[in-house]
Protein backbone atom coordinates (compact mmCIF):
# COMPACT_ATOMS: atom_id res chain seq x y z
CA MET A 1 26.01 -10.28 13.98
CA THR A 2 27.14 -8.62 11.20
CA ASP A 3 26.49 -10.01 7.32
CA SER A 4 30.05 -10.08 5.55
CA ARG A 5 28.57 -10.54 2.13
CA PRO A 6 29.74 -7.35 -0.39
CA ILE A 7 27.58 -4.57 -0.88
CA ARG A 8 27.22 -2.78 -3.61
CA GLU A 9 27.59 1.12 -3.97
CA ALA A 10 24.93 2.86 -5.29
CA THR A 11 26.48 5.08 -8.46
CA ALA A 12 27.80 8.99 -7.00
CA ASP A 13 25.77 10.97 -9.65
CA PRO A 14 21.82 10.09 -8.64
CA LEU A 15 20.72 11.36 -12.65
CA GLU A 16 23.72 8.57 -13.88
CA GLU A 17 22.21 5.79 -12.02
CA TYR A 18 18.81 7.23 -13.40
CA LEU A 19 19.49 7.10 -16.78
CA ARG A 20 21.42 3.46 -16.34
CA ASN A 21 18.32 2.00 -15.21
CA ILE A 22 16.05 3.90 -17.90
CA THR A 23 18.35 2.26 -20.37
CA ARG A 24 18.71 -1.55 -18.86
CA ARG A 25 14.29 -1.26 -18.45
CA ARG A 26 14.93 -0.34 -22.33
CA PHE A 27 16.78 -3.10 -22.63
CA PHE A 28 14.41 -5.98 -21.06
CA GLY A 29 11.51 -3.97 -23.16
CA SER A 30 13.11 -4.89 -26.46
CA MET A 31 13.69 -8.32 -25.41
CA ALA A 32 10.56 -9.27 -24.57
CA SER A 33 9.31 -8.20 -28.29
CA THR A 34 11.52 -10.92 -28.76
CA MET A 35 11.38 -13.64 -26.14
CA GLY A 36 7.04 -13.31 -26.31
CA ALA A 37 7.60 -12.48 -22.34
CA GLY A 38 9.44 -9.50 -20.41
CA LEU A 39 11.33 -10.45 -17.77
CA GLY A 40 8.86 -8.53 -15.64
CA SER A 41 6.50 -11.07 -16.76
CA LEU A 42 8.43 -13.76 -15.08
CA ALA A 43 9.37 -11.67 -12.19
CA LEU A 44 5.92 -11.31 -11.86
CA GLY A 45 4.66 -14.80 -12.52
CA SER A 46 7.40 -16.18 -9.33
CA VAL A 47 5.37 -13.65 -7.09
CA MET A 48 2.35 -15.47 -7.92
CA ASN A 49 3.74 -18.88 -8.11
CA GLU A 50 2.06 -21.18 -5.96
CA SER A 51 3.02 -25.14 -5.84
CA LYS A 52 0.66 -27.69 -5.33
CA SER A 53 0.70 -28.19 -1.71
CA GLY A 54 -0.04 -24.09 -1.46
CA ASP A 55 3.31 -22.99 -0.37
CA SER A 56 4.20 -20.18 -2.48
CA LEU A 57 7.75 -20.86 -4.23
CA ILE A 58 9.11 -17.36 -4.72
CA ASP A 59 12.46 -16.32 -6.69
CA LEU A 60 14.14 -12.93 -5.56
CA GLY A 61 16.38 -11.63 -8.09
CA SER A 62 18.72 -8.49 -7.09
CA GLU A 63 18.36 -7.16 -10.61
CA PRO A 64 15.00 -6.13 -12.12
CA GLY A 65 13.60 -9.66 -13.39
CA GLN A 66 16.32 -11.61 -12.34
CA VAL A 67 15.18 -14.78 -10.82
CA LEU A 68 17.10 -17.33 -8.25
CA ALA A 69 16.49 -20.48 -6.00
CA ASN A 70 12.98 -21.02 -4.62
CA LEU A 71 12.00 -19.47 -1.52
CA PRO A 72 11.41 -20.65 1.24
CA HIS A 73 15.33 -21.38 2.01
CA TYR A 74 13.98 -24.96 3.53
CA ALA A 75 11.14 -26.74 5.17
CA PRO A 76 8.94 -24.12 7.20
CA LYS A 77 7.67 -25.02 10.77
CA ALA A 78 4.80 -22.24 10.38
CA LYS A 79 2.97 -21.88 7.43
CA ARG A 80 1.57 -18.49 8.32
CA VAL A 81 1.85 -15.59 11.33
CA ILE A 82 -1.48 -14.25 14.15
CA TYR A 83 0.53 -10.89 15.39
CA MET A 84 -0.85 -9.33 18.12
CA HIS A 85 0.58 -5.97 18.63
CA MET A 86 -0.71 -3.95 22.06
CA GLU A 87 -0.08 -0.58 20.87
CA GLY A 88 0.94 1.46 23.76
CA ALA A 89 3.40 -0.59 25.63
CA PRO A 90 1.90 -2.96 28.40
CA SER A 91 3.33 -3.00 31.76
CA GLN A 92 5.05 -6.04 31.94
CA LEU A 93 5.29 -5.72 35.68
CA ASP A 94 1.69 -6.07 36.51
CA LEU A 95 1.05 -8.57 33.70
CA TYR A 96 4.06 -11.35 33.24
CA ASP A 97 7.28 -10.71 34.93
CA TYR A 98 6.39 -11.10 38.86
CA LYS A 99 8.71 -8.91 41.17
CA PRO A 100 7.39 -10.32 44.87
CA LYS A 101 10.64 -8.60 46.74
CA LEU A 102 9.31 -5.03 45.14
CA GLN A 103 6.14 -5.48 47.87
CA ASP A 104 8.72 -4.31 50.34
CA GLU A 105 10.40 -1.81 48.30
CA TYR A 106 6.80 0.96 48.38
CA ASN A 107 7.53 4.47 47.35
CA ALA A 108 11.61 3.97 48.34
CA ASP A 109 13.44 5.49 45.37
CA LEU A 110 14.80 3.50 43.17
CA PRO A 111 18.93 2.96 43.10
CA GLU A 112 20.99 4.72 41.38
CA SER A 113 23.02 1.54 40.91
CA ILE A 114 20.12 0.07 39.13
CA ARG A 115 19.10 2.77 36.88
CA ASN A 116 22.81 3.78 36.33
CA GLY A 117 22.61 6.98 34.33
CA GLN A 118 20.08 5.58 31.81
CA ARG A 119 18.57 7.76 29.68
CA ILE A 120 14.64 7.90 30.10
CA THR A 121 11.92 10.40 28.52
CA THR A 122 11.02 14.26 29.18
CA MET A 123 7.93 13.24 30.70
CA THR A 124 9.83 11.77 33.91
CA SER A 125 13.26 13.10 33.57
CA GLY A 126 12.01 16.67 35.62
CA GLN A 127 10.79 14.56 38.44
CA ASP A 128 12.77 15.11 41.99
CA ARG A 129 13.02 11.52 42.88
CA PHE A 130 11.93 8.41 41.26
CA PRO A 131 9.86 6.42 43.67
CA VAL A 132 9.17 1.97 43.50
CA ALA A 133 5.46 1.29 42.72
CA PRO A 134 5.08 -2.94 43.13
CA THR A 135 2.28 -3.91 41.31
CA MET A 136 -0.96 -4.14 43.07
CA PHE A 137 -2.46 -7.29 41.27
CA LYS A 138 -1.83 -11.09 42.56
CA PHE A 139 0.14 -13.40 40.32
CA ASN A 140 -1.02 -16.85 39.74
CA ARG A 141 1.34 -19.83 39.01
CA HIS A 142 0.73 -22.00 35.44
CA ALA A 143 1.87 -24.27 33.38
CA ASN A 144 2.87 -28.03 34.44
CA ASN A 145 6.83 -27.36 33.96
CA GLU A 146 9.25 -27.33 36.73
CA ASP A 147 9.37 -23.53 37.58
CA GLY A 148 6.33 -23.12 36.40
CA VAL A 149 5.34 -19.69 34.89
CA MET A 150 3.52 -16.64 36.83
CA ILE A 151 0.89 -14.47 35.08
CA SER A 152 -1.01 -11.76 36.37
CA GLU A 153 -4.81 -12.30 38.04
CA LEU A 154 -6.10 -10.01 35.07
CA LEU A 155 -5.40 -12.55 33.05
CA PRO A 156 -6.60 -16.16 34.23
CA HIS A 157 -7.78 -16.65 30.52
CA THR A 158 -4.56 -16.70 29.22
CA GLY A 159 -2.98 -18.35 32.67
CA SER A 160 -4.92 -21.19 31.27
CA ILE A 161 -3.41 -21.70 27.94
CA ALA A 162 -0.01 -21.20 29.57
CA ASP A 163 1.40 -24.91 28.27
CA GLU A 164 1.23 -23.54 25.10
CA ILE A 165 3.19 -20.41 25.11
CA CYS A 166 6.40 -19.03 25.53
CA LEU A 167 6.99 -16.32 27.75
CA ILE A 168 9.62 -14.13 26.97
CA ARG A 169 11.00 -11.94 29.72
CA SER A 170 14.22 -10.26 28.31
CA MET A 171 12.80 -8.32 25.33
CA HIS A 172 15.15 -4.71 24.84
CA THR A 173 14.87 -2.47 22.27
CA GLN A 174 16.82 0.70 20.91
CA ALA A 175 13.78 3.08 21.02
CA ILE A 176 11.95 5.54 23.76
CA ASN A 177 9.16 7.08 22.11
CA HIS A 178 5.78 4.96 20.37
CA GLU A 179 6.23 5.94 16.99
CA PRO A 180 10.15 4.97 16.38
CA GLY A 181 9.16 2.02 19.06
CA ILE A 182 6.27 0.80 16.87
CA THR A 183 8.21 1.23 13.45
CA PHE A 184 10.77 -0.75 14.81
CA PHE A 185 9.07 -3.23 16.10
CA GLN A 186 7.08 -3.82 12.87
CA THR A 187 10.04 -3.10 10.20
CA GLY A 188 13.27 -3.21 11.72
CA SER A 189 14.28 0.22 12.08
CA GLU A 190 13.14 3.44 13.74
CA GLN A 191 12.91 5.30 10.40
CA PRO A 192 9.34 5.51 8.42
CA GLY A 193 9.92 4.03 4.79
CA ARG A 194 10.98 0.18 5.26
CA PRO A 195 8.82 -2.48 4.47
CA CYS A 196 6.78 -4.05 7.50
CA PHE A 197 7.27 -8.15 9.19
CA GLY A 198 4.02 -8.63 7.37
CA SER A 199 4.98 -7.28 3.72
CA TRP A 200 8.42 -9.35 4.16
CA ALA A 201 6.17 -12.68 4.81
CA SER A 202 4.30 -11.64 2.30
CA TYR A 203 6.91 -11.13 -0.55
CA GLY A 204 8.46 -14.29 0.78
CA LEU A 205 6.00 -16.80 1.40
CA GLY A 206 3.21 -15.79 -1.62
CA SER A 207 -0.20 -16.41 -1.16
CA MET A 208 -2.35 -19.86 -0.59
CA ASN A 209 -5.67 -18.06 -1.66
CA SER A 210 -5.82 -15.97 -4.60
CA ASP A 211 -9.40 -14.69 -3.28
CA LEU A 212 -8.03 -12.84 -0.09
CA PRO A 213 -4.98 -11.28 0.21
CA THR A 214 -1.95 -12.23 1.43
CA PHE A 215 -1.33 -9.66 4.41
CA VAL A 216 -4.48 -8.47 6.48
CA VAL A 217 -4.72 -5.96 9.61
CA MET A 218 -7.74 -5.47 11.18
CA ILE A 219 -7.55 -2.63 14.21
CA THR A 220 -9.48 -2.58 18.09
CA GLN A 221 -10.37 0.72 19.78
CA GLY A 222 -8.84 0.86 23.21
CA LYS A 223 -10.17 1.37 26.37
CA GLY A 224 -7.57 4.04 27.67
CA ASN A 225 -4.85 6.24 26.10
CA MET A 226 -4.52 5.53 22.31
CA GLN A 227 -1.26 6.96 20.23
CA ALA A 228 -1.64 7.40 16.94
CA LEU A 229 -1.95 4.30 14.85
CA SER A 230 -0.31 5.05 11.06
CA ALA A 231 -0.75 3.29 8.14
CA ARG A 232 2.68 2.75 7.21
CA PHE A 233 2.84 0.57 9.88
CA TRP A 234 1.19 -2.10 7.78
CA GLY A 235 2.97 -0.60 4.74
CA SER A 236 5.19 -2.60 2.33
CA GLY A 237 8.05 0.59 2.16
CA PHE A 238 9.91 0.01 -1.27
CA LEU A 239 8.49 -3.70 -1.61
CA PRO A 240 5.99 -3.98 -4.50
CA SER A 241 2.96 -2.55 -3.35
CA GLU A 242 0.64 -5.78 -2.99
CA HIS A 243 2.77 -7.07 -0.31
CA GLN A 244 1.06 -3.78 1.78
CA GLY A 245 -1.48 -4.96 4.56
CA CYS A 246 -5.39 -5.02 3.66
CA LYS A 247 -7.31 -3.31 6.43
CA LEU A 248 -10.22 -5.12 7.19
CA ARG A 249 -13.10 -2.35 8.85
CA ALA A 250 -15.65 -2.90 11.77
CA GLY A 251 -19.27 -2.61 9.89
CA ARG A 252 -21.40 -3.11 6.64
CA ASP A 253 -17.76 -2.51 4.62
CA ALA A 254 -15.23 -4.13 5.92
CA VAL A 255 -12.47 -2.80 2.77
CA LEU A 256 -13.85 0.57 1.43
CA TYR A 257 -14.98 0.95 -1.94
CA LEU A 258 -15.30 -3.06 -2.64
CA ARG A 259 -19.03 -2.80 -3.31
CA ASP A 260 -19.95 -2.10 -6.45
CA PRO A 261 -22.13 1.20 -6.69
CA ASP A 262 -25.86 1.44 -7.82
CA GLY A 263 -26.50 0.51 -11.13
CA VAL A 264 -23.53 -1.53 -12.14
CA ASN A 265 -23.62 -5.61 -12.39
CA ARG A 266 -20.87 -8.06 -11.34
CA GLU A 267 -20.70 -8.48 -15.48
CA ASP A 268 -20.30 -4.43 -15.68
CA ARG A 269 -17.52 -4.64 -13.65
CA ARG A 270 -15.60 -7.80 -14.96
CA ARG A 271 -16.02 -5.48 -18.25
CA MET A 272 -14.30 -2.11 -17.01
CA LEU A 273 -11.77 -4.22 -15.40
CA ASP A 274 -11.23 -5.84 -18.58
CA LEU A 275 -10.51 -2.89 -20.39
CA VAL A 276 -8.36 -0.89 -17.42
CA ALA A 277 -6.46 -4.04 -17.82
CA HIS A 278 -5.50 -2.95 -21.27
CA LEU A 279 -5.40 -0.08 -20.64
CA ASN A 280 -2.34 -0.61 -17.62
CA GLU A 281 -0.47 -3.72 -20.34
CA GLU A 282 0.14 -0.53 -22.81
CA GLU A 283 1.46 1.89 -19.98
CA PHE A 284 3.37 -1.33 -19.00
CA ALA A 285 5.01 -2.14 -22.18
CA ASP A 286 5.79 1.83 -22.41
CA SER A 287 7.21 2.32 -18.77
CA LEU A 288 8.21 -1.53 -17.78
CA ASP A 289 6.94 -0.09 -14.39
CA PRO A 290 6.01 -3.19 -12.05
CA GLU A 291 4.16 -0.85 -9.83
CA VAL A 292 1.42 -0.95 -13.21
CA ARG A 293 1.45 -4.80 -13.22
CA ALA A 294 1.12 -4.63 -9.06
CA ARG A 295 -1.93 -2.34 -9.51
CA VAL A 296 -3.53 -4.64 -11.94
CA ALA A 297 -3.32 -7.35 -9.31
CA GLN A 298 -5.02 -5.80 -7.18
CA TYR A 299 -7.64 -4.54 -9.11
CA GLU A 300 -8.19 -8.28 -9.80
CA MET A 301 -7.95 -8.92 -6.08
CA ALA A 302 -10.71 -6.66 -5.25
CA TYR A 303 -12.90 -8.32 -7.90
CA ARG A 304 -12.68 -11.90 -6.04
CA MET A 305 -12.77 -10.27 -2.64
CA GLN A 306 -16.40 -9.03 -3.57
CA MET A 307 -17.52 -12.55 -3.09
CA SER A 308 -14.80 -13.68 -0.48
CA VAL A 309 -15.11 -11.45 2.33
CA PRO A 310 -18.65 -11.39 2.47
CA GLU A 311 -18.64 -14.82 3.51
CA LEU A 312 -15.26 -14.02 5.49
CA THR A 313 -17.44 -11.69 7.79
CA ASP A 314 -20.26 -13.78 8.20
CA ILE A 315 -20.21 -15.68 11.60
CA SER A 316 -23.42 -17.39 10.95
CA ASP A 317 -21.51 -20.89 10.69
CA GLU A 318 -19.58 -20.84 13.83
CA SER A 319 -21.32 -23.40 16.32
CA GLU A 320 -22.44 -21.66 19.55
CA SER A 321 -19.51 -23.23 21.94
CA THR A 322 -17.15 -21.48 19.81
CA LEU A 323 -18.72 -18.02 20.29
CA GLU A 324 -18.68 -18.44 23.37
CA MET A 325 -15.22 -19.98 23.98
CA TYR A 326 -14.54 -16.28 22.47
CA GLY A 327 -16.56 -13.96 24.94
CA PRO A 328 -19.55 -11.67 24.85
CA ASP A 329 -18.38 -9.17 22.56
CA VAL A 330 -17.62 -11.75 19.49
CA ARG A 331 -20.65 -10.74 17.75
CA THR A 332 -19.71 -6.93 17.84
CA PRO A 333 -17.27 -6.31 15.23
CA GLY A 334 -14.47 -4.11 15.59
CA THR A 335 -13.93 -5.85 19.28
CA PHE A 336 -10.88 -7.78 20.14
CA ALA A 337 -12.92 -11.00 20.40
CA ALA A 338 -14.74 -10.13 17.02
CA ASN A 339 -10.59 -9.37 15.26
CA CYS A 340 -10.09 -13.11 16.88
CA LEU A 341 -12.13 -14.66 15.90
CA GLN A 342 -11.89 -13.20 12.16
CA ALA A 343 -8.15 -13.87 12.79
CA ARG A 344 -8.79 -17.31 12.87
CA ARG A 345 -11.03 -17.47 9.95
CA LEU A 346 -8.40 -15.55 7.99
CA ALA A 347 -5.56 -17.92 9.13
CA GLU A 348 -8.33 -21.20 8.12
CA ARG A 349 -9.05 -19.87 4.73
CA GLY A 350 -4.95 -19.70 3.44
CA VAL A 351 -4.33 -15.83 5.03
CA ARG A 352 -0.37 -15.92 5.63
CA PHE A 353 -0.17 -12.98 7.94
CA VAL A 354 -2.71 -11.11 10.06
CA GLN A 355 -2.17 -8.47 12.22
CA LEU A 356 -4.40 -7.35 15.03
CA TYR A 357 -3.33 -3.96 16.45
CA MET A 358 -4.83 -3.32 20.36
CA ARG A 359 -4.89 -0.22 21.53
CA GLY A 360 -4.65 1.91 24.39
CA TRP A 361 -2.02 0.56 26.64
CA ASP A 362 -0.35 3.87 27.21
CA GLN A 363 -1.12 4.15 31.33
CA HIS A 364 1.05 6.91 32.04
CA GLY A 365 -1.02 7.62 35.28
CA ASN A 366 -4.14 5.70 36.52
CA LEU A 367 -2.69 2.17 35.21
CA PRO A 368 -4.58 0.13 37.66
CA THR A 369 -8.46 1.29 36.48
CA GLU A 370 -7.68 1.40 32.34
CA ILE A 371 -4.84 -1.53 32.27
CA ARG A 372 -8.22 -4.04 34.29
CA ALA A 373 -10.25 -2.39 31.02
CA GLN A 374 -7.90 -3.40 28.43
CA CYS A 375 -7.39 -7.06 30.35
CA GLU A 376 -10.54 -7.49 29.91
CA ALA A 377 -11.01 -7.25 26.56
CA VAL A 378 -8.42 -9.28 25.44
CA ASP A 379 -7.95 -11.84 27.89
CA GLN A 380 -10.60 -14.09 26.77
CA PRO A 381 -10.44 -13.56 22.73
CA GLN A 382 -6.72 -14.04 22.46
CA ALA A 383 -6.47 -17.53 25.15
CA ALA A 384 -9.66 -18.86 22.75
CA LEU A 385 -7.68 -18.08 19.41
CA ILE A 386 -4.82 -20.17 21.10
CA LYS A 387 -7.55 -22.76 22.26
CA ASP A 388 -9.49 -22.65 18.73
CA LEU A 389 -6.39 -23.02 16.40
CA LYS A 390 -4.95 -26.37 18.71
CA GLN A 391 -8.66 -27.78 18.23
CA ARG A 392 -8.84 -27.21 14.69
CA GLY A 393 -4.87 -28.98 14.28
CA MET A 394 -3.79 -25.68 13.05
CA LEU A 395 -1.29 -24.40 15.95
CA ASP A 396 1.46 -26.50 15.19
CA ASP A 397 2.11 -24.50 11.81
CA THR A 398 0.49 -21.09 12.96
CA LEU A 399 3.01 -18.98 14.62
CA VAL A 400 1.24 -17.03 17.06
CA MET A 401 2.48 -13.45 18.98
CA TRP A 402 1.48 -11.25 21.42
CA ALA A 403 3.59 -8.06 21.86
CA GLY A 404 3.90 -4.47 22.46
CA GLU A 405 6.84 -1.77 21.34
CA PHE A 406 9.16 -1.55 25.18
CA GLY A 407 7.59 -2.09 28.62
CA ARG A 408 6.90 0.44 31.26
CA THR A 409 8.92 1.38 34.40
CA VAL A 410 8.95 0.53 38.16
CA TYR A 411 8.95 3.74 39.51
CA SER A 412 5.57 5.86 39.28
CA GLN A 413 5.25 8.53 36.50
CA GLY A 414 3.68 11.70 39.15
CA ALA A 415 2.20 11.13 42.08
CA LEU A 416 2.22 7.42 43.87
CA ALA A 417 -1.00 6.34 45.66
CA ARG A 418 -1.68 2.69 47.04
CA ASN A 419 -4.37 2.27 44.62
CA ASN A 420 -3.04 4.40 41.87
CA TYR A 421 0.23 4.31 40.15
CA GLY A 422 1.51 5.20 36.33
CA ARG A 423 4.43 3.85 34.14
CA ASP A 424 6.62 5.91 32.10
CA HIS A 425 7.93 4.44 28.66
CA HIS A 426 10.54 1.28 29.27
CA PRO A 427 12.72 0.21 26.11
CA ARG A 428 15.70 -1.90 28.40
CA CYS A 429 13.09 -4.97 29.38
CA PHE A 430 9.35 -6.24 28.69
CA SER A 431 7.73 -9.17 28.38
CA ILE A 432 5.93 -10.67 25.23
CA TRP A 433 4.75 -14.14 24.32
CA LEU A 434 4.65 -16.70 21.49
CA ALA A 435 2.80 -19.89 20.89
CA GLY A 436 2.97 -22.32 18.14
CA GLY A 437 4.70 -22.70 14.75
CA GLY A 438 7.36 -24.31 16.02
CA ILE A 439 7.32 -22.75 19.50
CA LYS A 440 8.58 -24.42 22.48
CA PRO A 441 5.23 -24.59 24.91
CA GLY A 442 4.79 -24.28 28.50
CA ILE A 443 7.98 -22.25 29.15
CA SER A 444 9.68 -18.66 30.23
CA TYR A 445 12.98 -17.45 28.83
CA GLY A 446 14.89 -14.65 29.72
CA LYS A 447 15.16 -13.06 33.44
CA THR A 448 15.27 -9.19 34.63
CA ASP A 449 16.56 -7.95 37.97
CA ASP A 450 14.48 -7.20 41.05
CA TYR A 451 13.57 -4.06 39.78
CA SER A 452 12.33 -5.67 36.27
CA TYR A 453 14.61 -2.76 35.18
CA ASN A 454 17.90 -4.66 33.44
CA ILE A 455 17.71 -7.36 31.74
CA VAL A 456 20.12 -10.44 33.73
CA GLU A 457 20.33 -13.39 31.62
CA ASN A 458 19.65 -14.47 27.76
CA PRO A 459 18.55 -10.52 26.54
CA VAL A 460 16.28 -10.83 23.37
CA GLU A 461 16.89 -7.81 20.72
CA VAL A 462 13.95 -6.81 18.35
CA HIS A 463 16.46 -8.05 15.22
CA ASP A 464 17.32 -11.11 17.01
CA LEU A 465 13.16 -12.04 16.80
CA HIS A 466 12.50 -11.15 13.68
CA ALA A 467 15.81 -13.74 12.78
CA THR A 468 13.74 -16.45 15.15
CA LEU A 469 10.04 -16.18 13.48
CA LEU A 470 11.66 -15.44 9.55
CA HIS A 471 13.46 -18.87 10.91
CA LEU A 472 10.38 -20.29 11.65
CA LEU A 473 8.54 -19.17 8.33
CA GLY A 474 11.67 -21.47 6.14
CA PHE A 475 13.90 -18.17 5.72
CA ASP A 476 17.24 -17.66 6.80
CA HIS A 477 16.88 -13.97 7.88
CA ARG A 478 20.01 -12.99 5.94
CA GLY A 479 18.93 -14.56 2.16
CA LEU A 480 15.25 -12.64 2.06
CA THR A 481 16.77 -9.58 1.06
CA TYR A 482 15.52 -6.70 -1.69
CA ARG A 483 17.10 -4.58 -3.67
CA ASN A 484 16.63 -0.80 -3.11
CA GLN A 485 18.57 2.28 -3.80
CA GLY A 486 21.72 0.47 -4.69
CA ARG A 487 22.40 -1.84 -1.92
CA ASP A 488 20.45 -4.90 -0.52
CA HIS A 489 17.82 -4.80 2.28
CA ARG A 490 16.71 -6.73 4.77
CA LEU A 491 13.74 -7.02 7.45
CA THR A 492 16.50 -7.38 10.30
CA ASP A 493 19.45 -4.80 8.61
CA VAL A 494 22.55 -6.83 9.59
CA HIS A 495 21.71 -7.70 12.61
CA GLY A 496 20.14 -11.09 14.51
CA LYS A 497 20.69 -13.90 15.80
CA ILE A 498 18.02 -17.00 16.07
CA VAL A 499 16.96 -17.66 19.44
CA LYS A 500 17.84 -21.32 19.20
CA PRO A 501 16.35 -22.36 22.87
CA ILE A 502 12.64 -20.98 22.15
CA ILE A 503 12.57 -23.69 19.50
CA THR A 504 11.03 -26.74 19.43
């Protein structure tokens, strides 16, 4: 899908464009002195504005300070997002994409008619053959719909919430390696520097709780081979920096540098922030750089978080039945169980976007052992999160997503044995699931061929997924834009169509 709206081209001479922007800022600055408030203040005010219902009404302009119609564009089905990213790419063949016919194809060469000359990574391109590796795990039927949903025996707790999830088996992506793959899934582009989905959500929806960040990130160290996890995956790119994700750490200091140093009390901190704010206002009056005021807003947020974060991370108020539901690791900070519980607590307190990263799914070899450990760590907590949200009446307006950056090949990487095999990267098809927030529950969508190698029904591309998620949050994905370097950018670039069959 191509956006037909005209895009303003950048000035050919970068120096001329820079000088023109300086002149424009000076003009707005002179207006500020006569109007009593600069247009930059209006822009910041629109970002911080909250309605009585708690839903942000943000005005986005294509020029600095320009005020347009209120957002979201229409009534949202979801107010918040919890996104569980399984970094390293879980094997759809061993978890969600049931292919019983493959048992008869054990160690046979993958037919050329299936691979059809498609690109593969350098890790397996030198193999003499591509032996088919059926999963060694059983699948069980779940959900009360006509067809049922087949889920691996490795995920019994997730199977228990099959009636709540929409399993998409026909995801595909452009990237074939981890770094560009994760970047593309987070930002809609394989090139670094774009805002991530969480930052777009923060920018478009605004805050429901002035004492906590709008966008929070938590990371769990996995049980197997782990890829690098770059902070730019939750970065704001060219959006104002207050929309970047705030990383919560395990242990005593959930946020670095949040505690006051010894000998500094809260009153001292308040006086220091007031002085810094005064100096920053002088800097803003001179430069009209919106990042100056973004820093002021972040200082104030940190001051408020000194009180809100300790209360958030103290789970002593949770019932024993709730803690048991999340599993035995819930009391260990940094585990996936602990982070799932914190995600519910953050959502309960009005945080718009919570991103959980679970590392360790990069299983090129020794897959049976490593995937068992990974599933044991995530299965009960992720199911508990859905159950917990539902019993608190929050699932209907909380959009939950579980996804990796791509899938895994049907053929084994390296030696194949009955009880041991590995799988290479596979972008052409993989499985994810969604729940809550306007998603149809208890269904599966899309199909792959008998080898889980190509999509044969209802393909869903990453831009389509982003367009659908933004739709559920109340946005026309073509209209949530930000002008940078002479053009209007959006999460879906010039692509994306809404996957309507999965929406209630």
